[in-house]
Protein backbone atom coordinates (compact mmCIF):
# COMPACT_ATOMS: atom_id res chain seq x y z
CA UNK A 1 -54.96 -39.72 -2.49
CA UNK A 2 -52.22 -37.13 -3.12
CA UNK A 3 -48.72 -37.87 -4.25
CA UNK A 4 -46.51 -38.05 -1.08
CA UNK A 5 -43.35 -37.66 -3.17
CA UNK A 6 -44.58 -34.43 -4.71
CA UNK A 7 -45.61 -33.12 -1.27
CA UNK A 8 -42.23 -33.78 0.29
CA UNK A 9 -40.52 -32.33 -2.81
CA UNK A 10 -42.53 -29.13 -2.27
CA UNK A 11 -41.56 -29.01 1.43
CA UNK A 12 -37.89 -29.55 0.55
CA UNK A 13 -38.01 -26.77 -2.04
CA UNK A 14 -39.55 -24.40 0.50
CA UNK A 15 -36.85 -25.34 3.01
CA UNK A 16 -34.09 -24.50 0.55
CA UNK A 17 -35.80 -21.22 -0.29
CA UNK A 18 -36.02 -20.13 3.35
CA UNK A 19 -32.43 -21.06 4.14
CA UNK A 20 -31.19 -19.45 0.93
CA UNK A 21 -32.87 -16.17 1.88
CA UNK A 22 -31.43 -16.46 5.37
CA UNK A 23 -27.92 -17.01 3.94
CA UNK A 24 -28.29 -13.95 1.71
CA UNK A 25 -29.35 -11.87 4.72
CA UNK A 26 -26.36 -12.97 6.78
CA UNK A 27 -23.92 -12.49 3.88
CA UNK A 28 -25.23 -9.01 3.19
CA UNK A 29 -24.88 -8.10 6.86
CA UNK A 30 -21.26 -9.25 6.86
CA UNK A 31 -20.35 -7.45 3.65
CA UNK A 32 -21.80 -4.18 4.88
CA UNK A 33 -20.17 -4.60 8.26
CA UNK A 34 -23.42 -3.94 10.09
CA UNK A 35 -24.81 -0.54 11.02
CA UNK A 36 -21.67 0.74 12.75
CA UNK A 37 -22.56 4.42 12.39
CA UNK A 38 -19.41 5.16 10.39
CA UNK A 39 -20.01 7.53 7.48
CA UNK A 40 -18.58 7.41 3.97
CA UNK A 41 -15.44 9.48 3.49
CA UNK A 42 -13.11 10.84 0.83
CA UNK A 43 -9.35 10.34 0.63
CA UNK A 44 -7.24 11.95 -2.08
CA UNK A 45 -9.12 11.57 -5.37
CA UNK A 46 -11.25 8.68 -4.03
CA UNK A 47 -14.85 9.31 -2.97
CA UNK A 48 -17.51 7.44 -0.98
CA UNK A 49 -15.03 5.14 0.75
CA UNK A 50 -16.47 2.67 3.23
CA UNK A 51 -15.68 -0.54 5.12
CA UNK A 52 -13.16 -2.15 5.37
CA UNK A 53 -11.18 1.09 4.86
CA UNK A 54 -10.65 3.71 7.53
CA UNK A 55 -8.72 6.94 7.99
CA UNK A 56 -6.07 7.69 10.57
CA UNK A 57 -7.83 8.99 13.64
CA UNK A 58 -11.20 7.34 12.89
CA UNK A 59 -13.01 5.68 15.83
CA UNK A 60 -11.77 2.17 16.55
CA UNK A 61 -15.04 0.57 15.42
CA UNK A 62 -14.77 2.14 11.95
CA UNK A 63 -13.08 -0.04 9.36
CA UNK A 64 -10.19 -2.47 9.82
CA UNK A 65 -6.76 -1.42 11.03
CA UNK A 66 -4.91 -3.11 8.16
CA UNK A 67 -6.94 -1.03 5.68
CA UNK A 68 -6.12 2.35 7.19
CA UNK A 69 -5.52 5.00 4.53
CA UNK A 70 -3.20 7.98 4.58
CA UNK A 71 -4.83 10.94 2.84
CA UNK A 72 -3.52 14.06 1.12
CA UNK A 73 -5.39 16.42 -1.15
CA UNK A 74 -4.62 14.29 -4.20
CA UNK A 75 -3.41 10.86 -3.02
CA UNK A 76 -4.56 7.94 -0.89
CA UNK A 77 -1.89 5.57 0.44
CA UNK A 78 -1.87 2.27 2.29
CA UNK A 79 0.86 0.22 4.00
CA UNK A 80 1.25 -3.36 2.79
CA UNK A 81 3.95 -5.44 4.46
CA UNK A 82 7.18 -3.42 4.03
CA UNK A 83 5.94 -0.96 1.42
CA UNK A 84 3.70 2.06 0.96
CA UNK A 85 1.35 2.08 -2.03
CA UNK A 86 -0.92 4.56 -3.74
CA UNK A 87 -4.56 3.41 -3.80
CA UNK A 88 -5.75 4.37 -7.28
CA UNK A 89 -9.22 2.75 -7.38
CA UNK A 90 -11.57 0.64 -5.24
CA UNK A 91 -13.99 -1.92 -6.69
CA UNK A 92 -16.51 -2.91 -4.02
CA UNK A 93 -18.45 -5.16 -6.38
CA UNK A 94 -15.38 -7.24 -7.18
CA UNK A 95 -13.93 -6.89 -3.65
CA UNK A 96 -10.53 -5.60 -4.74
CA UNK A 97 -8.62 -2.35 -5.12
CA UNK A 98 -5.77 -1.13 -7.33
CA UNK A 99 -2.43 0.01 -5.90
CA UNK A 100 0.89 1.35 -7.19
CA UNK A 101 4.25 1.24 -5.41
CA UNK A 102 5.08 4.80 -4.33
CA UNK A 103 8.79 4.11 -4.87
CA UNK A 104 8.44 2.87 -8.44
CA UNK A 105 9.15 6.13 -10.23
CA UNK A 106 7.29 5.90 -13.54
CA UNK A 107 8.55 9.34 -14.55
CA UNK A 108 12.12 8.02 -14.50
CA UNK A 109 13.59 6.68 -17.71
CA UNK A 110 15.01 3.70 -15.83
CA UNK A 111 12.78 2.71 -12.88
CA UNK A 112 13.60 -0.22 -10.60
CA UNK A 113 11.48 -1.58 -7.72
CA UNK A 114 12.97 -1.61 -4.22
CA UNK A 115 14.30 -5.03 -3.30
CA UNK A 116 12.60 -5.03 0.12
CA UNK A 117 9.12 -3.92 -1.03
CA UNK A 118 7.30 -7.22 -1.17
CA UNK A 119 3.49 -7.36 -0.80
CA UNK A 120 1.64 -10.37 0.59
CA UNK A 121 0.93 -13.27 -1.74
CA UNK A 122 -1.44 -16.21 -1.42
CA UNK A 123 -5.13 -16.96 -0.98
CA UNK A 124 -7.52 -16.79 1.93
CA UNK A 125 -6.54 -19.59 4.26
CA UNK A 126 -3.40 -20.35 2.21
CA UNK A 127 -0.61 -17.78 2.34
CA UNK A 128 3.00 -18.03 1.25
CA UNK A 129 6.17 -17.77 3.32
CA UNK A 130 6.19 -13.96 3.03
CA UNK A 131 2.86 -13.61 4.81
CA UNK A 132 2.74 -13.79 8.62
CA UNK A 133 1.08 -16.96 10.01
CA UNK A 134 -2.67 -16.75 9.62
CA UNK A 135 -2.46 -13.42 7.78
CA UNK A 136 -5.49 -13.04 5.52
CA UNK A 137 -5.48 -9.34 4.76
CA UNK A 138 -4.25 -7.40 1.75
CA UNK A 139 -3.39 -10.38 -0.44
CA UNK A 140 -2.11 -9.63 -3.93
CA UNK A 141 -4.51 -10.74 -6.64
CA UNK A 142 -2.21 -10.26 -9.61
CA UNK A 143 -1.23 -12.97 -12.06
CA UNK A 144 2.23 -11.72 -12.98
CA UNK A 145 5.47 -10.56 -11.42
CA UNK A 146 8.34 -8.68 -13.00
CA UNK A 147 11.56 -10.29 -11.76
CA UNK A 148 14.84 -8.36 -11.80
CA UNK A 149 18.30 -9.88 -11.48
CA UNK A 150 21.92 -8.79 -11.68
CA UNK A 151 24.36 -11.05 -13.54
CA UNK A 152 28.15 -11.14 -13.60
CA UNK A 153 28.15 -11.78 -17.36
CA UNK A 154 25.79 -11.38 -20.27
CA UNK A 155 22.96 -13.90 -20.62
CA UNK A 156 22.95 -15.17 -24.19
CA UNK A 157 21.00 -18.43 -24.00
CA UNK A 158 17.79 -17.47 -22.18
CA UNK A 159 15.23 -15.60 -24.27
CA UNK A 160 13.08 -14.83 -21.21
CA UNK A 161 15.73 -12.47 -19.87
CA UNK A 162 15.23 -8.96 -21.24
CA UNK A 163 18.22 -6.60 -20.86
CA UNK A 164 17.92 -3.45 -18.79
CA UNK A 165 20.68 -1.51 -20.49
CA UNK A 166 20.23 1.68 -18.48
CA UNK A 167 21.04 -0.18 -15.23
CA UNK A 168 23.88 -2.30 -16.60
CA UNK A 169 27.59 -1.51 -16.43
CA UNK A 170 30.93 -3.27 -16.84
CA UNK A 171 30.67 -6.83 -15.46
CA UNK A 172 27.16 -6.06 -14.19
CA UNK A 173 24.25 -7.00 -16.40
CA UNK A 174 20.70 -6.31 -15.23
CA UNK A 175 17.78 -8.26 -16.67
CA UNK A 176 14.03 -8.49 -16.18
CA UNK A 177 11.61 -11.27 -17.04
CA UNK A 178 7.94 -11.94 -16.42
CA UNK A 179 6.78 -14.93 -14.40
CA UNK A 180 3.80 -16.15 -12.43
CA UNK A 181 6.16 -16.12 -9.45
CA UNK A 182 9.81 -15.12 -9.09
CA UNK A 183 11.66 -18.20 -7.85
CA UNK A 184 15.32 -19.12 -7.39
CA UNK A 185 15.02 -21.87 -10.00
CA UNK A 186 14.57 -19.21 -12.69
CA UNK A 187 17.94 -17.60 -11.94
CA UNK A 188 20.96 -18.39 -14.05
CA UNK A 189 23.91 -19.71 -11.97
CA UNK A 190 25.85 -16.45 -12.37
CA UNK A 191 22.90 -14.18 -11.54
CA UNK A 192 21.51 -12.88 -8.25
CA UNK A 193 18.10 -11.63 -7.18
CA UNK A 194 17.64 -7.87 -7.43
CA UNK A 195 13.93 -7.06 -6.99
CA UNK A 196 10.42 -8.08 -7.96
CA UNK A 197 7.05 -6.41 -8.28
CA UNK A 198 3.56 -7.71 -9.15
CA UNK A 199 1.41 -6.10 -11.80
CA UNK A 200 -1.97 -6.38 -13.51
CA UNK A 201 -4.81 -8.43 -11.96
CA UNK A 202 -5.76 -12.08 -11.74
CA UNK A 203 -7.96 -11.89 -14.85
CA UNK A 204 -5.28 -10.64 -17.25
CA UNK A 205 -4.46 -12.79 -20.28
CA UNK A 206 -1.29 -11.26 -21.68
CA UNK A 207 1.10 -14.15 -21.11
CA UNK A 208 2.29 -14.61 -24.71
CA UNK A 209 2.56 -10.87 -25.22
CA UNK A 210 4.57 -10.39 -22.03
CA UNK A 211 7.06 -13.14 -22.89
CA UNK A 212 8.24 -11.01 -25.80
CA UNK A 213 7.93 -7.64 -24.07
CA UNK A 214 10.96 -5.40 -23.67
CA UNK A 215 12.00 -3.71 -20.42
CA UNK A 216 10.27 -0.49 -21.51
CA UNK A 217 7.04 -2.36 -22.30
CA UNK A 218 7.12 -4.27 -19.01
CA UNK A 219 7.63 -0.97 -17.20
CA UNK A 220 4.46 0.37 -18.82
CA UNK A 221 2.51 -2.60 -17.46
CA UNK A 222 4.02 -2.16 -13.99
CA UNK A 223 3.07 1.51 -13.96
CA UNK A 224 -0.62 0.54 -14.03
CA UNK A 225 -0.25 -1.15 -10.64
CA UNK A 226 -1.79 -4.37 -9.36
CA UNK A 227 -4.87 -5.50 -7.47
CA UNK A 228 -5.30 -6.44 -3.81
CA UNK A 229 -8.29 -8.36 -2.61
CA UNK A 230 -10.78 -8.07 0.22
CA UNK A 231 -13.24 -8.69 2.04
CA UNK A 232 -11.72 -9.45 5.39
CA UNK A 233 -13.23 -11.27 8.36
CA UNK A 234 -15.90 -9.09 9.97
CA UNK A 235 -16.13 -9.03 13.75
CA UNK A 236 -19.48 -7.69 14.91
CA UNK A 237 -19.96 -5.50 17.94
CA UNK A 238 -21.59 -7.48 20.85
CA UNK A 239 -24.92 -5.66 20.62
CA UNK A 240 -25.16 -6.08 16.85
CA UNK A 241 -24.07 -9.70 17.06
CA UNK A 242 -26.68 -10.45 19.75
CA UNK A 243 -29.46 -8.87 17.69
CA UNK A 244 -28.39 -10.80 14.60
CA UNK A 245 -28.41 -14.05 16.61
CA UNK A 246 -31.94 -13.35 17.88
CA UNK A 247 -33.19 -12.60 14.37
CA UNK A 248 -31.67 -15.79 12.97
CA UNK A 249 -33.08 -17.91 15.79
CA UNK A 250 -36.54 -16.39 15.38
CA UNK A 251 -36.49 -17.07 11.65
CA UNK A 252 -35.28 -20.65 12.13
CA UNK A 253 -37.79 -21.43 14.88
CA UNK A 254 -40.72 -20.12 12.84
CA UNK A 255 -39.56 -22.04 9.78
CA UNK A 256 -39.06 -25.31 11.69
CA UNK A 257 -42.48 -25.02 13.34
CA UNK A 258 -44.11 -24.47 9.95
CA UNK A 259 -42.40 -27.48 8.36
CA UNK A 260 -43.28 -29.73 11.31
CA UNK A 261 -46.95 -28.78 10.95
CA UNK A 262 -46.89 -29.50 7.24
CA UNK A 263 -45.17 -32.85 7.63
CA UNK A 264 -47.40 -34.01 10.49
CA UNK A 265 -50.43 -33.20 8.33
């Protein structure tokens, strides 16, 4: 007489295998966005761009509106919240892309971010107060923010504050510091918020180095941009969705019938 435990273990293993393959099939379909007939395109220096990105004027079914790119002969841009950003690279494997604020002039000897250029922060399903309710697109992936403030007197007892001499004047002292998030609690009582900008990506490990960085060094880090994550929710066209449903049901029905036969035996 065979070992019933071993038999059922084999059936369970086969079940997991079938459902794992099915999950991979569905995930791959969602990542690719289905066969929507939209071709790869170029934008600025970027090549072979695909879903979720789209160009202005592309058919509605191509890409996602929030990922629409503006294209010139040398640049690709995207709107995020209140700002416009250069798209410098796209990593489809890691599901993120690099951007730089178009208004942060790295060629200037004394650049300062715009106070009202604030990208979205948070995680899928958990956004901060800046993000619109339920907004899950274009979330910043970066670990660090450069925080700028303007103070009515010199800060002498906070080593985190790095002076920005080129922006300071009589009775106006500008400072920058690096934080995981710019919050009011970090401001000295006689200082006011000026601007903030994220930089690097979520995998950076420069915390100790950045705590001692000067304004010029922080600017160099900012000039490399920051990362924004995707994918986004994929909404299938009715015909594609119906075909996918039929395929899944067929696979499930055949699998269930097979397992019932094995168990009844």
